[in-house]
Amino acid sequence: MTTSFAEPPVTFRRDRFGECWHLIPAGELGPRSRALCGQPRQGTRLSETYAEIQPDRTECMCQICTEAYVVLSTSTTSHEKV
């Protein structure tokens, strides 16, 4: 199953080893916020590549970020329906 990361909006950041992409939620710090899995902010030693569009589905996505996004998008959707 492929997850579409459209709503709520996120950007993407690859870890410093170039292994997986992490999801960065929109926030006060923009793309410099922490990843959903808790990885450090952009500009630290643990962050390198940044992207605004979703990486190809063949790319590795952080599993913890993906699971957190599903929870976040579910709670956001349920609040909008009320």
Foldseek 3Di string as FASTA:
>chain_A
DDDDQVPPAWWWWAWLVRQAIFTHGQDPVGQQHAGLLRHHGPPDNGTDDIGRHDDDPVGHHPPNSVVSSVVVRVVVVVVVVD
